[in-house]
Amino acid sequence: MPSLNEIEFIQSLQQGNQQAFAELVDLYKNKIFNTAIGILQNEHDSEEIAQEVFIEVFRSIKNFKNDATLSTWIYRITINKSLDFIRKGKRNKRFGIVVNLFKEETNEPIVHPKNFFHPGIALEQKEKSAILFAALEQLNERQKTCFVLKYVEGLSQQEISKVMQCAEGAVESILSRAKENLRKILGDYFDKNY
């Protein structure tokens, strides 16, 4: 449930207060962009999704019921818009379907993903993150979303359960399957680096 300050902030938004909306954009622009880019792996598409999220928030804030926190609601909109974008095929495939990213004998990468680097990842981690994000492309939507929210955005399992509208136990199970599938895709590389 939103705090008293958040309820007042939401009321300002619902009344069309432009200063409140500017503050909302400032507070959430990086979270929305980082979540979208974690799923879409394309900067331009993520910027487009971020704009769509803010438009949706602006249009729908009057219907916000305070049954979740504002951040949960905004994450949910971001995830839905990002996944819809993928489903509609609006973006180019950044990586082909790869059964295994590594040579079995040497455990060396056999695919060098295109230069997708999440802007929030430290420079020394760029190569590792590129390999991880290529593998994430092979997970189903729920596993990918859950993994991005947990390990890229740093949300707790409780927060993820609210965003994904499922039980905390389900989040734990989805994360476990995501890690298991990443381990299958990445082999020993996953255990050594994650």
N, C-alpha and C. Protein backbone atom coordinates (compact mmCIF):
# COMPACT_ATOMS: atom_id res chain seq x y z
N MET A 1 0.83 -1.19 0.00
CA MET A 1 0.00 0.00 0.00
C MET A 1 0.88 1.25 0.00
N PRO A 2 0.45 2.27 -0.70
CA PRO A 2 1.22 3.51 -0.73
C PRO A 2 1.25 4.20 0.63
N SER A 3 2.33 4.91 0.90
CA SER A 3 2.44 5.69 2.13
C SER A 3 1.59 6.95 2.00
N LEU A 4 1.41 7.65 3.12
CA LEU A 4 0.61 8.87 3.12
C LEU A 4 1.19 9.90 2.15
N ASN A 5 2.53 10.07 2.16
CA ASN A 5 3.16 11.00 1.22
C ASN A 5 2.93 10.59 -0.23
N GLU A 6 2.98 9.27 -0.48
CA GLU A 6 2.75 8.79 -1.84
C GLU A 6 1.31 9.03 -2.27
N ILE A 7 0.38 8.85 -1.33
CA ILE A 7 -1.04 9.09 -1.65
C ILE A 7 -1.25 10.56 -2.03
N GLU A 8 -0.61 11.45 -1.29
CA GLU A 8 -0.71 12.88 -1.61
C GLU A 8 -0.09 13.18 -2.99
N PHE A 9 1.04 12.53 -3.26
CA PHE A 9 1.70 12.69 -4.55
C PHE A 9 0.80 12.20 -5.68
N ILE A 10 0.18 11.03 -5.47
CA ILE A 10 -0.72 10.46 -6.48
C ILE A 10 -1.92 11.38 -6.70
N GLN A 11 -2.44 11.96 -5.62
CA GLN A 11 -3.56 12.89 -5.75
C GLN A 11 -3.17 14.11 -6.58
N SER A 12 -1.94 14.59 -6.37
CA SER A 12 -1.45 15.72 -7.18
C SER A 12 -1.39 15.33 -8.65
N LEU A 13 -0.92 14.12 -8.92
CA LEU A 13 -0.87 13.63 -10.30
C LEU A 13 -2.29 13.53 -10.88
N GLN A 14 -3.21 13.00 -10.09
CA GLN A 14 -4.58 12.82 -10.56
C GLN A 14 -5.27 14.15 -10.83
N GLN A 15 -4.81 15.19 -10.16
CA GLN A 15 -5.38 16.53 -10.37
C GLN A 15 -4.72 17.25 -11.54
N GLY A 16 -3.75 16.57 -12.18
CA GLY A 16 -3.10 17.14 -13.36
C GLY A 16 -1.99 18.13 -13.04
N ASN A 17 -1.44 18.05 -11.84
CA ASN A 17 -0.36 18.94 -11.43
C ASN A 17 0.89 18.66 -12.27
N GLN A 18 1.29 19.63 -13.10
CA GLN A 18 2.43 19.43 -14.00
C GLN A 18 3.75 19.28 -13.25
N GLN A 19 3.90 19.98 -12.13
CA GLN A 19 5.12 19.86 -11.32
C GLN A 19 5.25 18.44 -10.77
N ALA A 20 4.13 17.88 -10.33
CA ALA A 20 4.14 16.51 -9.81
C ALA A 20 4.51 15.53 -10.92
N PHE A 21 3.98 15.77 -12.13
CA PHE A 21 4.30 14.87 -13.23
C PHE A 21 5.78 14.99 -13.61
N ALA A 22 6.33 16.20 -13.60
CA ALA A 22 7.76 16.39 -13.87
C ALA A 22 8.60 15.65 -12.83
N GLU A 23 8.15 15.69 -11.58
CA GLU A 23 8.85 14.98 -10.51
C GLU A 23 8.77 13.47 -10.72
N LEU A 24 7.60 13.00 -11.15
CA LEU A 24 7.42 11.57 -11.43
C LEU A 24 8.38 11.12 -12.52
N VAL A 25 8.48 11.90 -13.60
CA VAL A 25 9.39 11.57 -14.70
C VAL A 25 10.82 11.51 -14.18
N ASP A 26 11.21 12.48 -13.38
CA ASP A 26 12.56 12.51 -12.83
C ASP A 26 12.83 11.30 -11.93
N LEU A 27 11.84 10.93 -11.12
CA LEU A 27 12.00 9.80 -10.20
C LEU A 27 12.08 8.45 -10.90
N TYR A 28 11.34 8.30 -12.00
CA TYR A 28 11.17 6.97 -12.61
C TYR A 28 11.83 6.77 -13.97
N LYS A 29 12.37 7.82 -14.58
CA LYS A 29 12.89 7.66 -15.95
C LYS A 29 13.98 6.60 -16.03
N ASN A 30 14.91 6.58 -15.08
CA ASN A 30 15.98 5.58 -15.14
C ASN A 30 15.48 4.18 -14.84
N LYS A 31 14.58 4.04 -13.89
CA LYS A 31 14.03 2.72 -13.56
C LYS A 31 13.28 2.13 -14.75
N ILE A 32 12.48 2.96 -15.39
CA ILE A 32 11.71 2.49 -16.55
C ILE A 32 12.64 2.11 -17.70
N PHE A 33 13.58 2.98 -18.00
CA PHE A 33 14.51 2.72 -19.10
C PHE A 33 15.33 1.46 -18.82
N ASN A 34 15.87 1.33 -17.60
CA ASN A 34 16.70 0.17 -17.27
C ASN A 34 15.91 -1.13 -17.32
N THR A 35 14.67 -1.10 -16.88
CA THR A 35 13.83 -2.30 -16.96
C THR A 35 13.55 -2.66 -18.41
N ALA A 36 13.18 -1.66 -19.20
CA ALA A 36 12.88 -1.91 -20.62
C ALA A 36 14.11 -2.41 -21.36
N ILE A 37 15.27 -1.80 -21.12
CA ILE A 37 16.46 -2.23 -21.86
C ILE A 37 16.92 -3.62 -21.40
N GLY A 38 16.65 -3.96 -20.15
CA GLY A 38 16.97 -5.31 -19.69
C GLY A 38 16.16 -6.36 -20.43
N ILE A 39 14.96 -6.01 -20.86
CA ILE A 39 14.10 -6.94 -21.58
C ILE A 39 14.30 -6.83 -23.09
N LEU A 40 14.35 -5.61 -23.60
CA LEU A 40 14.42 -5.41 -25.04
C LEU A 40 15.83 -5.45 -25.61
N GLN A 41 16.81 -5.09 -24.80
CA GLN A 41 18.22 -5.08 -25.21
C GLN A 41 18.46 -4.20 -26.43
N ASN A 42 17.76 -3.09 -26.46
CA ASN A 42 17.92 -2.15 -27.55
C ASN A 42 17.61 -0.76 -27.00
N GLU A 43 18.58 0.13 -27.09
CA GLU A 43 18.46 1.45 -26.48
C GLU A 43 17.31 2.27 -27.08
N HIS A 44 17.25 2.30 -28.41
CA HIS A 44 16.21 3.09 -29.08
C HIS A 44 14.81 2.58 -28.71
N ASP A 45 14.62 1.27 -28.78
CA ASP A 45 13.32 0.69 -28.43
C ASP A 45 12.96 0.97 -26.98
N SER A 46 13.94 0.93 -26.10
CA SER A 46 13.71 1.18 -24.68
C SER A 46 13.32 2.62 -24.42
N GLU A 47 13.92 3.54 -25.16
CA GLU A 47 13.52 4.95 -25.05
C GLU A 47 12.08 5.13 -25.50
N GLU A 48 11.71 4.44 -26.58
CA GLU A 48 10.34 4.50 -27.08
C GLU A 48 9.36 3.95 -26.04
N ILE A 49 9.72 2.83 -25.43
CA ILE A 49 8.86 2.23 -24.40
C ILE A 49 8.74 3.16 -23.21
N ALA A 50 9.84 3.79 -22.80
CA ALA A 50 9.80 4.71 -21.66
C ALA A 50 8.81 5.85 -21.93
N GLN A 51 8.84 6.38 -23.15
CA GLN A 51 7.88 7.44 -23.51
C GLN A 51 6.45 6.92 -23.44
N GLU A 52 6.23 5.71 -23.95
CA GLU A 52 4.89 5.12 -23.92
C GLU A 52 4.41 4.89 -22.49
N VAL A 53 5.34 4.48 -21.61
CA VAL A 53 4.98 4.26 -20.21
C VAL A 53 4.51 5.56 -19.58
N PHE A 54 5.25 6.64 -19.79
CA PHE A 54 4.85 7.92 -19.20
C PHE A 54 3.52 8.42 -19.77
N ILE A 55 3.29 8.18 -21.04
CA ILE A 55 2.00 8.55 -21.64
C ILE A 55 0.88 7.75 -20.99
N GLU A 56 1.13 6.44 -20.82
CA GLU A 56 0.12 5.57 -20.17
C GLU A 56 -0.13 5.99 -18.73
N VAL A 57 0.92 6.31 -18.00
CA VAL A 57 0.76 6.76 -16.62
C VAL A 57 -0.07 8.04 -16.60
N PHE A 58 0.26 8.98 -17.46
CA PHE A 58 -0.45 10.26 -17.53
C PHE A 58 -1.94 10.03 -17.83
N ARG A 59 -2.22 9.13 -18.78
CA ARG A 59 -3.61 8.86 -19.17
C ARG A 59 -4.38 8.10 -18.09
N SER A 60 -3.69 7.19 -17.39
CA SER A 60 -4.36 6.25 -16.49
C SER A 60 -4.29 6.59 -15.01
N ILE A 61 -3.54 7.60 -14.64
CA ILE A 61 -3.35 7.90 -13.21
C ILE A 61 -4.67 8.19 -12.51
N LYS A 62 -5.63 8.73 -13.22
CA LYS A 62 -6.94 9.02 -12.60
C LYS A 62 -7.64 7.74 -12.16
N ASN A 63 -7.31 6.62 -12.80
CA ASN A 63 -7.93 5.33 -12.46
C ASN A 63 -7.10 4.53 -11.45
N PHE A 64 -5.96 5.08 -11.02
CA PHE A 64 -5.11 4.37 -10.06
C PHE A 64 -5.86 4.21 -8.75
N LYS A 65 -5.94 2.98 -8.24
CA LYS A 65 -6.80 2.66 -7.10
C LYS A 65 -6.06 2.60 -5.76
N ASN A 66 -4.76 2.83 -5.73
CA ASN A 66 -3.97 2.72 -4.50
C ASN A 66 -3.95 1.31 -3.91
N ASP A 67 -4.20 0.29 -4.74
CA ASP A 67 -4.12 -1.09 -4.25
C ASP A 67 -2.70 -1.64 -4.36
N ALA A 68 -1.81 -0.85 -4.91
CA ALA A 68 -0.38 -1.19 -5.01
C ALA A 68 0.40 0.12 -4.88
N THR A 69 1.70 0.00 -4.72
CA THR A 69 2.49 1.23 -4.69
C THR A 69 2.60 1.76 -6.12
N LEU A 70 2.91 3.02 -6.21
CA LEU A 70 3.07 3.65 -7.51
C LEU A 70 4.19 2.96 -8.30
N SER A 71 5.28 2.65 -7.62
CA SER A 71 6.42 2.01 -8.33
C SER A 71 6.03 0.64 -8.86
N THR A 72 5.28 -0.13 -8.10
CA THR A 72 4.82 -1.44 -8.57
C THR A 72 3.97 -1.29 -9.82
N TRP A 73 3.06 -0.34 -9.79
CA TRP A 73 2.17 -0.09 -10.93
C TRP A 73 2.98 0.32 -12.16
N ILE A 74 3.97 1.20 -11.97
CA ILE A 74 4.79 1.67 -13.09
C ILE A 74 5.67 0.55 -13.64
N TYR A 75 6.26 -0.27 -12.76
CA TYR A 75 7.04 -1.42 -13.23
C TYR A 75 6.14 -2.35 -14.05
N ARG A 76 4.92 -2.58 -13.57
CA ARG A 76 3.99 -3.47 -14.27
C ARG A 76 3.69 -2.93 -15.67
N ILE A 77 3.44 -1.64 -15.79
CA ILE A 77 3.18 -1.04 -17.10
C ILE A 77 4.41 -1.20 -18.00
N THR A 78 5.60 -0.98 -17.44
CA THR A 78 6.84 -1.09 -18.21
C THR A 78 7.04 -2.51 -18.73
N ILE A 79 6.86 -3.49 -17.86
CA ILE A 79 7.00 -4.89 -18.26
C ILE A 79 5.99 -5.23 -19.35
N ASN A 80 4.74 -4.87 -19.14
CA ASN A 80 3.70 -5.19 -20.13
C ASN A 80 3.98 -4.55 -21.48
N LYS A 81 4.37 -3.29 -21.48
CA LYS A 81 4.65 -2.61 -22.75
C LYS A 81 5.87 -3.22 -23.44
N SER A 82 6.90 -3.57 -22.66
CA SER A 82 8.10 -4.19 -23.24
C SER A 82 7.78 -5.54 -23.86
N LEU A 83 7.02 -6.36 -23.13
CA LEU A 83 6.67 -7.69 -23.65
C LEU A 83 5.73 -7.59 -24.84
N ASP A 84 4.80 -6.64 -24.81
CA ASP A 84 3.92 -6.42 -25.97
C ASP A 84 4.72 -6.01 -27.19
N PHE A 85 5.73 -5.19 -26.97
CA PHE A 85 6.59 -4.74 -28.06
C PHE A 85 7.28 -5.94 -28.72
N ILE A 86 7.77 -6.85 -27.89
CA ILE A 86 8.42 -8.05 -28.42
C ILE A 86 7.40 -8.91 -29.16
N ARG A 87 6.26 -9.14 -28.54
CA ARG A 87 5.23 -9.99 -29.15
C ARG A 87 4.77 -9.48 -30.51
N LYS A 88 4.68 -8.20 -30.65
CA LYS A 88 4.21 -7.62 -31.91
C LYS A 88 5.31 -7.62 -32.97
N GLY A 89 6.49 -8.02 -32.59
CA GLY A 89 7.57 -8.13 -33.58
C GLY A 89 8.05 -6.80 -34.10
N LYS A 90 7.95 -5.74 -33.27
CA LYS A 90 8.36 -4.43 -33.73
C LYS A 90 9.86 -4.24 -33.74
N ARG A 91 10.58 -5.12 -33.07
CA ARG A 91 12.02 -4.90 -33.03
C ARG A 91 12.74 -5.97 -33.82
N ASN A 92 13.91 -5.66 -34.29
CA ASN A 92 14.71 -6.64 -35.02
C ASN A 92 15.33 -7.59 -34.02
N LYS A 93 15.44 -8.82 -34.42
CA LYS A 93 16.11 -9.79 -33.56
C LYS A 93 17.58 -9.40 -33.46
N ARG A 94 18.04 -9.25 -32.24
CA ARG A 94 19.44 -8.86 -32.03
C ARG A 94 20.35 -10.08 -32.07
N PHE A 95 19.80 -11.25 -31.72
CA PHE A 95 20.60 -12.46 -31.69
C PHE A 95 19.80 -13.57 -32.34
N GLY A 96 20.46 -14.42 -33.10
CA GLY A 96 19.78 -15.58 -33.66
C GLY A 96 19.54 -16.60 -32.57
N ILE A 97 18.72 -17.60 -32.87
CA ILE A 97 18.50 -18.65 -31.89
C ILE A 97 19.77 -19.47 -31.81
N VAL A 98 20.24 -19.62 -30.59
CA VAL A 98 21.50 -20.32 -30.35
C VAL A 98 21.22 -21.45 -29.37
N VAL A 99 21.58 -22.65 -29.73
CA VAL A 99 21.34 -23.78 -28.84
C VAL A 99 22.34 -23.75 -27.69
N ASN A 100 23.60 -23.51 -28.00
CA ASN A 100 24.61 -23.45 -26.96
C ASN A 100 25.59 -22.35 -27.34
N LEU A 101 25.89 -21.47 -26.41
CA LEU A 101 26.76 -20.34 -26.70
C LEU A 101 28.24 -20.68 -26.60
N PHE A 102 28.56 -21.90 -26.20
CA PHE A 102 29.95 -22.24 -25.95
C PHE A 102 30.34 -23.54 -26.62
N LYS A 103 31.63 -23.62 -27.03
CA LYS A 103 32.19 -24.86 -27.54
C LYS A 103 32.32 -25.80 -26.36
N GLU A 104 31.84 -27.02 -26.53
CA GLU A 104 31.86 -27.97 -25.41
C GLU A 104 33.27 -28.31 -24.95
N GLU A 105 34.20 -28.46 -25.88
CA GLU A 105 35.55 -28.89 -25.50
C GLU A 105 36.30 -27.81 -24.72
N THR A 106 36.21 -26.58 -25.15
CA THR A 106 37.04 -25.52 -24.58
C THR A 106 36.26 -24.56 -23.69
N ASN A 107 34.95 -24.64 -23.73
CA ASN A 107 34.09 -23.73 -22.98
C ASN A 107 34.30 -22.27 -23.40
N GLU A 108 34.77 -22.06 -24.62
CA GLU A 108 34.95 -20.70 -25.16
C GLU A 108 33.65 -20.29 -25.83
N PRO A 109 33.33 -19.02 -25.80
CA PRO A 109 32.10 -18.58 -26.48
C PRO A 109 32.17 -18.88 -27.98
N ILE A 110 31.07 -19.43 -28.53
CA ILE A 110 31.03 -19.65 -29.97
C ILE A 110 30.22 -18.55 -30.64
N VAL A 111 29.49 -17.79 -29.84
CA VAL A 111 28.73 -16.67 -30.36
C VAL A 111 29.21 -15.43 -29.65
N HIS A 112 29.53 -14.45 -30.42
CA HIS A 112 29.88 -13.17 -29.82
C HIS A 112 28.71 -12.25 -30.08
N PRO A 113 27.89 -12.01 -29.04
CA PRO A 113 26.69 -11.22 -29.26
C PRO A 113 27.01 -9.84 -29.80
N LYS A 114 26.06 -9.30 -30.53
CA LYS A 114 26.24 -7.93 -31.00
C LYS A 114 26.47 -7.06 -29.79
N ASN A 115 27.01 -5.92 -30.00
CA ASN A 115 27.45 -5.09 -28.89
C ASN A 115 26.31 -4.49 -28.08
N PHE A 116 25.54 -5.35 -27.41
CA PHE A 116 24.56 -4.84 -26.46
C PHE A 116 25.19 -4.81 -25.10
N PHE A 117 25.25 -3.63 -24.53
CA PHE A 117 25.76 -3.46 -23.19
C PHE A 117 24.75 -2.65 -22.41
N HIS A 118 24.25 -3.22 -21.34
CA HIS A 118 23.31 -2.52 -20.48
C HIS A 118 24.03 -1.32 -19.89
N PRO A 119 23.44 -0.13 -19.97
CA PRO A 119 24.13 1.08 -19.51
C PRO A 119 24.41 1.08 -18.01
N GLY A 120 23.70 0.26 -17.24
CA GLY A 120 23.92 0.24 -15.80
C GLY A 120 25.00 -0.73 -15.37
N ILE A 121 25.63 -1.43 -16.30
CA ILE A 121 26.65 -2.42 -15.96
C ILE A 121 28.02 -1.76 -16.01
N ALA A 122 28.84 -2.02 -14.99
CA ALA A 122 30.18 -1.45 -14.93
C ALA A 122 31.02 -1.90 -16.12
N LEU A 123 31.92 -1.03 -16.54
CA LEU A 123 32.74 -1.27 -17.73
C LEU A 123 33.44 -2.63 -17.69
N GLU A 124 34.02 -2.99 -16.55
CA GLU A 124 34.75 -4.25 -16.48
C GLU A 124 33.83 -5.47 -16.57
N GLN A 125 32.53 -5.28 -16.46
CA GLN A 125 31.58 -6.38 -16.55
C GLN A 125 30.87 -6.45 -17.91
N LYS A 126 31.24 -5.58 -18.84
CA LYS A 126 30.52 -5.48 -20.12
C LYS A 126 30.50 -6.79 -20.91
N GLU A 127 31.65 -7.43 -21.02
CA GLU A 127 31.71 -8.68 -21.81
C GLU A 127 30.85 -9.76 -21.16
N LYS A 128 30.96 -9.90 -19.84
CA LYS A 128 30.14 -10.89 -19.14
C LYS A 128 28.66 -10.60 -19.32
N SER A 129 28.29 -9.32 -19.20
CA SER A 129 26.87 -8.97 -19.31
C SER A 129 26.35 -9.22 -20.73
N ALA A 130 27.17 -8.99 -21.74
CA ALA A 130 26.74 -9.24 -23.12
C ALA A 130 26.43 -10.72 -23.32
N ILE A 131 27.26 -11.59 -22.76
CA ILE A 131 27.03 -13.03 -22.86
C ILE A 131 25.76 -13.41 -22.11
N LEU A 132 25.59 -12.85 -20.91
CA LEU A 132 24.39 -13.14 -20.12
C LEU A 132 23.13 -12.66 -20.85
N PHE A 133 23.15 -11.44 -21.38
CA PHE A 133 21.95 -10.93 -22.05
C PHE A 133 21.63 -11.72 -23.31
N ALA A 134 22.62 -12.24 -24.00
CA ALA A 134 22.36 -13.11 -25.15
C ALA A 134 21.64 -14.38 -24.70
N ALA A 135 22.07 -14.92 -23.56
CA ALA A 135 21.42 -16.13 -23.03
C ALA A 135 20.01 -15.82 -22.54
N LEU A 136 19.81 -14.65 -21.97
CA LEU A 136 18.47 -14.27 -21.48
C LEU A 136 17.44 -14.26 -22.61
N GLU A 137 17.90 -13.97 -23.82
CA GLU A 137 16.99 -13.97 -24.97
C GLU A 137 16.33 -15.32 -25.18
N GLN A 138 16.95 -16.39 -24.66
CA GLN A 138 16.41 -17.74 -24.87
C GLN A 138 15.43 -18.17 -23.79
N LEU A 139 15.30 -17.38 -22.73
CA LEU A 139 14.36 -17.72 -21.67
C LEU A 139 12.95 -17.31 -22.07
N ASN A 140 11.96 -17.94 -21.44
CA ASN A 140 10.58 -17.51 -21.70
C ASN A 140 10.35 -16.16 -21.02
N GLU A 141 9.24 -15.51 -21.35
CA GLU A 141 8.97 -14.14 -20.87
C GLU A 141 9.01 -14.02 -19.35
N ARG A 142 8.36 -14.96 -18.66
CA ARG A 142 8.29 -14.87 -17.19
C ARG A 142 9.67 -15.02 -16.56
N GLN A 143 10.45 -15.97 -17.05
CA GLN A 143 11.78 -16.17 -16.50
C GLN A 143 12.68 -14.96 -16.77
N LYS A 144 12.63 -14.46 -17.98
CA LYS A 144 13.44 -13.30 -18.35
C LYS A 144 13.05 -12.08 -17.52
N THR A 145 11.74 -11.83 -17.41
CA THR A 145 11.25 -10.69 -16.65
C THR A 145 11.67 -10.79 -15.19
N CYS A 146 11.46 -11.94 -14.62
CA CYS A 146 11.79 -12.16 -13.21
C CYS A 146 13.29 -11.97 -12.97
N PHE A 147 14.11 -12.53 -13.84
CA PHE A 147 15.57 -12.43 -13.72
C PHE A 147 16.02 -10.97 -13.83
N VAL A 148 15.47 -10.25 -14.79
CA VAL A 148 15.84 -8.83 -14.98
C VAL A 148 15.44 -8.01 -13.76
N LEU A 149 14.22 -8.23 -13.25
CA LEU A 149 13.77 -7.47 -12.08
C LEU A 149 14.63 -7.76 -10.85
N LYS A 150 15.05 -9.01 -10.70
CA LYS A 150 15.84 -9.40 -9.52
C LYS A 150 17.29 -8.97 -9.66
N TYR A 151 17.93 -9.33 -10.75
CA TYR A 151 19.38 -9.18 -10.83
C TYR A 151 19.85 -7.94 -11.58
N VAL A 152 18.99 -7.32 -12.36
CA VAL A 152 19.37 -6.07 -13.02
C VAL A 152 18.80 -4.88 -12.24
N GLU A 153 17.52 -4.98 -11.88
CA GLU A 153 16.88 -3.88 -11.15
C GLU A 153 17.03 -3.98 -9.65
N GLY A 154 17.37 -5.16 -9.14
CA GLY A 154 17.60 -5.31 -7.70
C GLY A 154 16.35 -5.32 -6.85
N LEU A 155 15.21 -5.69 -7.42
CA LEU A 155 13.98 -5.75 -6.64
C LEU A 155 13.98 -6.99 -5.75
N SER A 156 13.30 -6.89 -4.62
CA SER A 156 13.15 -8.04 -3.73
C SER A 156 12.13 -9.00 -4.34
N GLN A 157 12.09 -10.23 -3.82
CA GLN A 157 11.10 -11.19 -4.32
C GLN A 157 9.68 -10.71 -4.03
N GLN A 158 9.50 -10.04 -2.90
CA GLN A 158 8.19 -9.50 -2.57
C GLN A 158 7.77 -8.44 -3.59
N GLU A 159 8.69 -7.55 -3.95
CA GLU A 159 8.39 -6.51 -4.95
C GLU A 159 8.10 -7.13 -6.31
N ILE A 160 8.90 -8.14 -6.67
CA ILE A 160 8.69 -8.82 -7.95
C ILE A 160 7.32 -9.49 -7.99
N SER A 161 6.92 -10.11 -6.88
CA SER A 161 5.62 -10.79 -6.84
C SER A 161 4.48 -9.79 -7.06
N LYS A 162 4.64 -8.57 -6.56
CA LYS A 162 3.61 -7.54 -6.77
C LYS A 162 3.61 -7.07 -8.23
N VAL A 163 4.80 -6.85 -8.79
CA VAL A 163 4.88 -6.41 -10.18
C VAL A 163 4.32 -7.48 -11.12
N MET A 164 4.70 -8.73 -10.88
CA MET A 164 4.28 -9.81 -11.78
C MET A 164 2.93 -10.40 -11.40
N GLN A 165 2.37 -9.92 -10.29
CA GLN A 165 1.07 -10.36 -9.80
C GLN A 165 1.01 -11.88 -9.61
N CYS A 166 1.98 -12.37 -8.83
CA CYS A 166 2.01 -13.78 -8.49
C CYS A 166 2.55 -13.93 -7.06
N ALA A 167 2.45 -15.11 -6.51
CA ALA A 167 2.91 -15.36 -5.14
C ALA A 167 4.44 -15.30 -5.07
N GLU A 168 4.95 -14.96 -3.88
CA GLU A 168 6.41 -14.92 -3.70
C GLU A 168 7.03 -16.28 -3.98
N GLY A 169 6.33 -17.35 -3.60
CA GLY A 169 6.83 -18.70 -3.88
C GLY A 169 6.97 -18.95 -5.38
N ALA A 170 6.05 -18.38 -6.15
CA ALA A 170 6.12 -18.52 -7.61
C ALA A 170 7.34 -17.78 -8.15
N VAL A 171 7.64 -16.61 -7.58
CA VAL A 171 8.82 -15.85 -8.00
C VAL A 171 10.07 -16.67 -7.76
N GLU A 172 10.15 -17.28 -6.58
CA GLU A 172 11.32 -18.11 -6.24
C GLU A 172 11.46 -19.26 -7.23
N SER A 173 10.34 -19.88 -7.57
CA SER A 173 10.34 -21.00 -8.52
C SER A 173 10.76 -20.53 -9.92
N ILE A 174 10.23 -19.39 -10.36
CA ILE A 174 10.57 -18.85 -11.68
C ILE A 174 12.06 -18.51 -11.75
N LEU A 175 12.57 -17.88 -10.69
CA LEU A 175 14.00 -17.54 -10.65
C LEU A 175 14.86 -18.79 -10.68
N SER A 176 14.43 -19.80 -9.95
CA SER A 176 15.18 -21.07 -9.92
C SER A 176 15.24 -21.70 -11.31
N ARG A 177 14.09 -21.71 -12.01
CA ARG A 177 14.07 -22.27 -13.37
C ARG A 177 14.90 -21.42 -14.33
N ALA A 178 14.85 -20.09 -14.16
CA ALA A 178 15.65 -19.21 -15.02
C ALA A 178 17.13 -19.51 -14.83
N LYS A 179 17.57 -19.62 -13.58
CA LYS A 179 18.98 -19.92 -13.32
C LYS A 179 19.37 -21.29 -13.86
N GLU A 180 18.46 -22.26 -13.70
CA GLU A 180 18.72 -23.62 -14.20
C GLU A 180 18.87 -23.59 -15.73
N ASN A 181 17.99 -22.86 -16.41
CA ASN A 181 18.06 -22.77 -17.87
C ASN A 181 19.31 -22.00 -18.32
N LEU A 182 19.66 -20.94 -17.60
CA LEU A 182 20.89 -20.21 -17.94
C LEU A 182 22.11 -21.11 -17.74
N ARG A 183 22.07 -21.93 -16.71
CA ARG A 183 23.17 -22.86 -16.46
C ARG A 183 23.30 -23.85 -17.61
N LYS A 184 22.15 -24.31 -18.15
CA LYS A 184 22.16 -25.24 -19.30
C LYS A 184 22.74 -24.55 -20.53
N ILE A 185 22.35 -23.28 -20.73
CA ILE A 185 22.80 -22.55 -21.91
C ILE A 185 24.28 -22.18 -21.80
N LEU A 186 24.66 -21.71 -20.62
CA LEU A 186 26.01 -21.18 -20.44
C LEU A 186 27.01 -22.18 -19.86
N GLY A 187 26.54 -23.31 -19.38
CA GLY A 187 27.43 -24.32 -18.82
C GLY A 187 28.23 -23.79 -17.64
N ASP A 188 29.49 -24.18 -17.58
CA ASP A 188 30.36 -23.79 -16.47
C ASP A 188 30.54 -22.28 -16.38
N TYR A 189 30.38 -21.59 -17.48
CA TYR A 189 30.56 -20.14 -17.50
C TYR A 189 29.61 -19.47 -16.50
N PHE A 190 28.38 -19.99 -16.41
CA PHE A 190 27.39 -19.43 -15.48
C PHE A 190 27.87 -19.58 -14.05
N ASP A 191 28.32 -20.77 -13.70
CA ASP A 191 28.75 -21.03 -12.31
C ASP A 191 29.98 -20.19 -11.95
N LYS A 192 30.88 -19.98 -12.90
CA LYS A 192 32.10 -19.22 -12.62
C LYS A 192 31.83 -17.72 -12.49
N ASN A 193 30.80 -17.23 -13.17
CA ASN A 193 30.60 -15.79 -13.24
C ASN A 193 29.33 -15.29 -12.56
N TYR A 194 28.42 -16.18 -12.23
CA TYR A 194 27.17 -15.73 -11.62
C TYR A 194 26.89 -16.57 -10.42
